[in-house]
């Protein structure tokens, strides 16, 4: 058994949770989804979490035996966690809310969705802990979501975009052995265990410079900046926004206008899959190296949700 405080303190230090301040995304989205349904999230979630929107979200028993690793709190992920865990066990996720991102070959998503209160109640009743780490995980040089993709592709980081105050980059610019769009697509499908990727732009035969950004990389401004740096393939979780509202449709149209003119291959591997890779590789190794804990992987039931 391992003390909860020991694990939480180690994560807080590793990811410099407090130095990042308030998470810019979830400080907006958590109130947006919970306030309309009158769920008292400020009382239920840990005090520091309600200020920073990263870190320990639900505090359970003082000791744990197992740590579970996931990206989004989908119903099936939470059901597995609740069913398979022992009292006091720990769930480490990237997101404190489910985000239905949509399927490029199917149904569009609803955007951010709250965790069902029944699951929160069941986790609290079983004394389970939940810790989420969003922006600090994205930016981490060694354990980052994009860093894990670069490692899987044997890519060498040579530059970046969107630096934080410490000089770490959200978007990684990397060199790779010369390859083609088709070969990169096949490699990505194998790495992320996908039946298909999302694609726009040009198909190229001489790719040696790529950009990597896990999650929502569907920002035309980021793509243009990467293109100006000589990037030939832009790899991300989402190249399109497939959220079924006015915001999503506007972003989709903007992206499609840009795709007609870009010289790059634009490749999406799904938001969740792009961020799950770090959980099943770098973070799994981190927990097992630093603590006497059993790790349990909780992949999303369907990557293009």
Protein backbone atom coordinates (compact mmCIF):
# COMPACT_ATOMS: atom_id res chain seq x y z
CA UNK A 1 0.00 0.00 0.00
CA UNK A 2 1.15 3.54 -0.78
CA UNK A 3 0.10 6.73 0.99
CA UNK A 4 -2.20 8.98 -1.04
CA UNK A 5 -0.38 12.11 0.12
CA UNK A 6 2.92 10.74 -1.13
CA UNK A 7 1.56 10.16 -4.64
CA UNK A 8 -0.29 13.49 -4.79
CA UNK A 9 2.74 15.46 -3.60
CA UNK A 10 4.97 13.73 -6.13
CA UNK A 11 2.58 14.52 -8.98
CA UNK A 12 2.18 18.12 -7.84
CA UNK A 13 5.96 18.54 -7.86
CA UNK A 14 6.58 16.71 -11.11
CA UNK A 15 4.04 18.77 -13.02
CA UNK A 16 4.49 22.05 -11.11
CA UNK A 17 0.72 22.21 -10.67
CA UNK A 18 0.64 25.45 -8.69
CA UNK A 19 3.05 27.32 -10.96
CA UNK A 20 0.65 26.96 -13.89
CA UNK A 21 -2.09 28.74 -11.99
CA UNK A 22 -5.73 28.37 -12.98
CA UNK A 23 -6.30 26.03 -15.92
CA UNK A 24 -7.59 28.29 -18.73
CA UNK A 25 -9.93 25.68 -20.20
CA UNK A 26 -11.46 23.85 -17.25
CA UNK A 27 -11.80 26.94 -15.09
CA UNK A 28 -14.46 27.88 -17.67
CA UNK A 29 -15.87 24.51 -18.67
CA UNK A 30 -16.45 23.01 -15.21
CA UNK A 31 -18.77 25.86 -14.11
CA UNK A 32 -20.41 25.86 -17.55
CA UNK A 33 -21.46 22.22 -17.32
CA UNK A 34 -22.13 21.82 -13.59
CA UNK A 35 -23.79 25.11 -12.64
CA UNK A 36 -26.82 24.65 -14.96
CA UNK A 37 -27.58 21.26 -13.40
CA UNK A 38 -27.09 22.71 -9.88
CA UNK A 39 -24.35 20.26 -8.91
CA UNK A 40 -22.37 21.67 -5.99
CA UNK A 41 -18.93 20.99 -7.47
CA UNK A 42 -17.22 23.53 -5.20
CA UNK A 43 -18.25 21.48 -2.16
CA UNK A 44 -17.66 18.01 -3.64
CA UNK A 45 -14.32 18.60 -5.33
CA UNK A 46 -11.15 19.32 -3.35
CA UNK A 47 -10.60 22.98 -2.42
CA UNK A 48 -7.29 23.36 -4.30
CA UNK A 49 -8.85 21.78 -7.37
CA UNK A 50 -11.68 24.31 -7.40
CA UNK A 51 -9.04 27.05 -7.51
CA UNK A 52 -6.60 25.53 -10.01
CA UNK A 53 -8.73 22.95 -11.90
CA UNK A 54 -5.74 20.59 -11.91
CA UNK A 55 -4.55 18.21 -9.21
CA UNK A 56 -6.45 16.10 -6.68
CA UNK A 57 -10.13 16.37 -7.58
CA UNK A 58 -11.70 13.72 -5.32
CA UNK A 59 -9.92 12.63 -2.14
CA UNK A 60 -10.47 9.07 -0.99
CA UNK A 61 -8.81 6.83 1.59
CA UNK A 62 -5.31 7.58 2.85
CA UNK A 63 -3.71 4.54 1.13
CA UNK A 64 -3.91 2.96 -2.31
CA UNK A 65 -2.82 -0.24 -3.99
CA UNK A 66 -3.66 0.42 -7.64
CA UNK A 67 -3.50 3.42 -9.97
CA UNK A 68 -5.79 3.55 -13.00
CA UNK A 69 -4.85 5.58 -16.08
CA UNK A 70 -7.34 7.18 -18.48
CA UNK A 71 -7.95 10.32 -20.57
CA UNK A 72 -11.65 11.15 -20.42
CA UNK A 73 -14.18 10.11 -17.74
CA UNK A 74 -16.50 8.25 -20.10
CA UNK A 75 -19.24 6.14 -18.54
CA UNK A 76 -17.44 2.89 -19.35
CA UNK A 77 -14.11 4.16 -17.99
CA UNK A 78 -15.72 5.17 -14.70
CA UNK A 79 -17.73 1.97 -14.47
CA UNK A 80 -14.56 -0.08 -14.89
CA UNK A 81 -12.71 2.04 -12.33
CA UNK A 82 -15.49 1.72 -9.77
CA UNK A 83 -15.94 -2.02 -10.39
CA UNK A 84 -12.28 -3.09 -10.60
CA UNK A 85 -10.78 -0.84 -7.93
CA UNK A 86 -10.14 -1.55 -4.28
CA UNK A 87 -11.03 0.97 -1.61
CA UNK A 88 -8.66 3.93 -1.79
CA UNK A 89 -7.45 3.33 -5.34
CA UNK A 90 -6.43 6.22 -7.57
CA UNK A 91 -7.57 7.37 -11.02
CA UNK A 92 -5.16 9.61 -12.96
CA UNK A 93 -6.84 11.34 -15.94
CA UNK A 94 -6.03 14.11 -18.36
CA UNK A 95 -9.52 15.65 -18.26
CA UNK A 96 -11.99 16.21 -15.39
CA UNK A 97 -14.89 16.26 -17.88
CA UNK A 98 -15.91 14.09 -20.80
CA UNK A 99 -15.51 15.83 -24.15
CA UNK A 100 -17.50 14.36 -27.02
CA UNK A 101 -15.29 15.43 -29.91
CA UNK A 102 -17.20 13.72 -32.71
CA UNK A 103 -16.32 11.23 -35.41
CA UNK A 104 -14.99 12.49 -38.77
CA UNK A 105 -16.72 9.51 -40.40
CA UNK A 106 -19.83 9.57 -38.25
CA UNK A 107 -21.78 11.41 -35.57
CA UNK A 108 -20.66 14.81 -34.31
CA UNK A 109 -20.19 15.27 -30.55
CA UNK A 110 -21.84 17.38 -27.85
CA UNK A 111 -18.65 18.96 -26.54
CA UNK A 112 -18.05 18.96 -22.77
CA UNK A 113 -20.34 16.76 -20.68
CA UNK A 114 -20.38 16.52 -16.86
CA UNK A 115 -19.54 13.35 -14.99
CA UNK A 116 -22.84 11.78 -13.93
CA UNK A 117 -23.53 12.42 -10.26
CA UNK A 118 -24.18 8.73 -9.67
CA UNK A 119 -20.57 7.93 -10.59
CA UNK A 120 -19.21 10.70 -8.38
CA UNK A 121 -21.29 9.37 -5.50
CA UNK A 122 -20.11 5.79 -6.07
CA UNK A 123 -16.45 6.87 -6.15
CA UNK A 124 -16.86 8.84 -2.94
CA UNK A 125 -18.68 5.95 -1.26
CA UNK A 126 -15.81 3.61 -2.14
CA UNK A 127 -13.21 6.14 -0.92
CA UNK A 128 -11.58 6.39 -4.35
CA UNK A 129 -9.36 9.27 -5.41
CA UNK A 130 -9.31 11.13 -8.72
CA UNK A 131 -6.44 13.33 -9.92
CA UNK A 132 -6.47 15.21 -13.23
CA UNK A 133 -3.64 17.01 -14.99
CA UNK A 134 -4.38 18.98 -18.14
CA UNK A 135 -2.10 21.83 -19.32
CA UNK A 136 0.82 20.84 -17.04
CA UNK A 137 0.87 17.38 -18.65
CA UNK A 138 0.64 18.80 -22.17
CA UNK A 139 3.70 21.00 -21.60
CA UNK A 140 5.94 18.55 -19.73
CA UNK A 141 9.21 18.01 -21.62
CA UNK A 142 9.72 14.39 -20.63
CA UNK A 143 6.21 13.19 -19.71
CA UNK A 144 4.11 15.33 -22.03
CA UNK A 145 1.25 14.18 -24.23
CA UNK A 146 3.03 15.39 -27.38
CA UNK A 147 6.42 14.19 -26.14
CA UNK A 148 5.02 10.66 -25.98
CA UNK A 149 3.97 10.86 -29.64
CA UNK A 150 7.39 12.17 -30.66
CA UNK A 151 9.03 9.27 -28.86
CA UNK A 152 6.74 6.72 -30.53
CA UNK A 153 7.60 8.17 -33.94
CA UNK A 154 11.36 8.25 -33.19
CA UNK A 155 11.20 11.98 -33.92
CA UNK A 156 13.83 14.48 -32.74
CA UNK A 157 12.43 17.69 -31.25
CA UNK A 158 14.15 20.66 -32.92
CA UNK A 159 11.78 23.57 -32.27
CA UNK A 160 8.31 24.38 -31.01
CA UNK A 161 5.35 26.72 -30.88
CA UNK A 162 3.36 28.33 -28.07
CA UNK A 163 6.01 28.43 -25.35
CA UNK A 164 5.05 28.90 -21.72
CA UNK A 165 6.97 31.05 -19.22
CA UNK A 166 9.48 28.24 -18.67
CA UNK A 167 10.18 27.99 -22.42
CA UNK A 168 8.45 24.62 -22.87
CA UNK A 169 6.38 24.27 -26.03
CA UNK A 170 2.82 23.06 -26.52
CA UNK A 171 3.39 22.24 -30.21
CA UNK A 172 6.57 20.28 -30.93
CA UNK A 173 8.43 20.69 -34.22
CA UNK A 174 10.47 17.59 -35.00
CA UNK A 175 12.76 16.08 -37.60
CA UNK A 176 12.20 12.49 -38.75
CA UNK A 177 13.73 10.14 -41.28
CA UNK A 178 12.32 10.97 -44.70
CA UNK A 179 8.97 9.34 -45.27
CA UNK A 180 5.63 9.76 -47.03
CA UNK A 181 2.15 10.77 -45.97
CA UNK A 182 0.88 7.24 -46.59
CA UNK A 183 3.63 5.71 -44.45
CA UNK A 184 3.01 8.15 -41.60
CA UNK A 185 -0.72 7.42 -41.69
CA UNK A 186 -0.09 3.69 -41.46
CA UNK A 187 2.37 4.11 -38.60
CA UNK A 188 -0.07 6.32 -36.69
CA UNK A 189 -2.91 3.82 -37.12
CA UNK A 190 -0.67 1.13 -35.63
CA UNK A 191 0.58 3.31 -32.75
CA UNK A 192 -2.89 4.50 -31.76
CA UNK A 193 -4.77 1.32 -32.74
CA UNK A 194 -7.13 3.21 -35.04
CA UNK A 195 -9.22 1.92 -37.95
CA UNK A 196 -8.71 5.26 -39.72
CA UNK A 197 -7.25 8.72 -39.28
CA UNK A 198 -8.71 12.09 -40.26
CA UNK A 199 -6.93 13.77 -43.15
CA UNK A 200 -6.84 17.04 -45.07
CA UNK A 201 -4.23 18.87 -47.13
CA UNK A 202 -1.55 17.52 -49.45
CA UNK A 203 -0.11 14.04 -49.79
CA UNK A 204 3.67 14.22 -49.86
CA UNK A 205 6.55 11.87 -50.69
CA UNK A 206 9.43 13.63 -48.92
CA UNK A 207 8.39 14.42 -45.34
CA UNK A 208 11.26 15.08 -42.94
CA UNK A 209 9.81 17.77 -40.67
CA UNK A 210 6.62 17.38 -38.63
CA UNK A 211 4.66 19.18 -35.95
CA UNK A 212 3.01 17.31 -33.08
CA UNK A 213 0.31 18.54 -30.74
CA UNK A 214 -1.83 16.08 -28.83
CA UNK A 215 -5.52 16.86 -28.26
CA UNK A 216 -7.20 19.85 -29.90
CA UNK A 217 -4.72 20.95 -32.54
CA UNK A 218 -7.49 22.23 -34.79
CA UNK A 219 -6.29 25.83 -34.61
CA UNK A 220 -5.64 27.34 -38.04
CA UNK A 221 -3.28 29.90 -36.48
CA UNK A 222 -1.10 27.11 -35.09
CA UNK A 223 -1.11 25.31 -38.43
CA UNK A 224 -0.06 28.45 -40.29
CA UNK A 225 2.78 29.07 -37.86
CA UNK A 226 3.96 25.48 -38.23
CA UNK A 227 3.82 25.78 -42.02
CA UNK A 228 5.94 28.94 -41.87
CA UNK A 229 8.58 26.92 -40.00
CA UNK A 230 8.80 24.45 -42.87
CA UNK A 231 6.63 21.73 -41.32
CA UNK A 232 5.36 19.22 -43.90
CA UNK A 233 3.05 17.08 -41.75
CA UNK A 234 0.95 18.36 -38.85
CA UNK A 235 -0.08 15.54 -36.49
CA UNK A 236 -2.66 16.12 -33.79
CA UNK A 237 -5.69 14.67 -32.04
CA UNK A 238 -8.19 16.71 -34.01
CA UNK A 239 -7.61 18.56 -37.27
CA UNK A 240 -11.33 19.40 -37.44
CA UNK A 241 -13.79 20.45 -34.79
CA UNK A 242 -16.73 18.05 -34.92
CA UNK A 243 -18.75 19.55 -32.06
CA UNK A 244 -22.37 19.92 -33.04
CA UNK A 245 -22.99 23.60 -32.26
CA UNK A 246 -22.41 27.00 -33.86
CA UNK A 247 -18.88 27.21 -32.45
CA UNK A 248 -17.95 23.80 -33.83
CA UNK A 249 -19.37 24.47 -37.27
CA UNK A 250 -17.60 27.84 -37.50
CA UNK A 251 -14.26 26.25 -36.58
CA UNK A 252 -14.86 23.44 -39.06
CA UNK A 253 -15.51 25.87 -41.90
CA UNK A 254 -12.42 27.92 -41.04
CA UNK A 255 -10.28 24.80 -41.04
CA UNK A 256 -11.69 23.59 -44.37
CA UNK A 257 -10.91 26.94 -46.00
CA UNK A 258 -7.32 26.68 -44.79
CA UNK A 259 -7.00 23.02 -45.88
CA UNK A 260 -7.57 24.05 -49.50
CA UNK A 261 -4.42 26.17 -49.48
CA UNK A 262 -1.99 24.40 -47.13
CA UNK A 263 1.14 22.67 -48.37
CA UNK A 264 1.11 20.30 -45.37
CA UNK A 265 -0.39 16.90 -44.67
CA UNK A 266 -2.87 17.41 -41.80
CA UNK A 267 -3.49 14.21 -39.83
CA UNK A 268 -5.84 13.67 -36.87
CA UNK A 269 -5.65 10.56 -34.68
CA UNK A 270 -8.59 11.37 -32.34
CA UNK A 271 -8.40 13.60 -29.29
CA UNK A 272 -8.54 10.78 -26.78
CA UNK A 273 -6.15 8.40 -28.52
CA UNK A 274 -3.56 11.15 -28.96
CA UNK A 275 -3.56 11.79 -25.20
CA UNK A 276 -3.91 8.17 -24.07
CA UNK A 277 -0.52 7.20 -25.49
CA UNK A 278 1.34 9.01 -22.70
CA UNK A 279 -0.75 7.17 -20.11
CA UNK A 280 0.04 3.68 -21.38
CA UNK A 281 3.74 4.46 -21.91
CA UNK A 282 5.47 7.30 -20.05
CA UNK A 283 3.04 7.74 -17.13
CA UNK A 284 2.65 4.01 -16.58
CA UNK A 285 6.44 3.76 -16.34
CA UNK A 286 6.58 6.80 -14.05
CA UNK A 287 4.13 5.37 -11.53
CA UNK A 288 5.78 1.94 -11.53
CA UNK A 289 9.28 3.42 -11.16
CA UNK A 290 8.41 5.80 -8.34
CA UNK A 291 5.90 3.75 -6.33
CA UNK A 292 5.11 0.17 -5.45
CA UNK A 293 1.80 0.35 -7.29
CA UNK A 294 -0.02 -1.81 -9.77
CA UNK A 295 -1.09 0.16 -12.86
CA UNK A 296 -4.33 -0.52 -14.70
CA UNK A 297 -4.97 0.96 -18.15
CA UNK A 298 -8.46 2.21 -18.98
CA UNK A 299 -8.58 2.86 -22.74
CA UNK A 300 -11.63 4.60 -24.14
CA UNK A 301 -14.13 2.14 -25.58
CA UNK A 302 -14.24 4.01 -28.89
CA UNK A 303 -11.56 6.53 -29.82
CA UNK A 304 -13.67 8.62 -32.18
CA UNK A 305 -16.32 9.55 -29.57
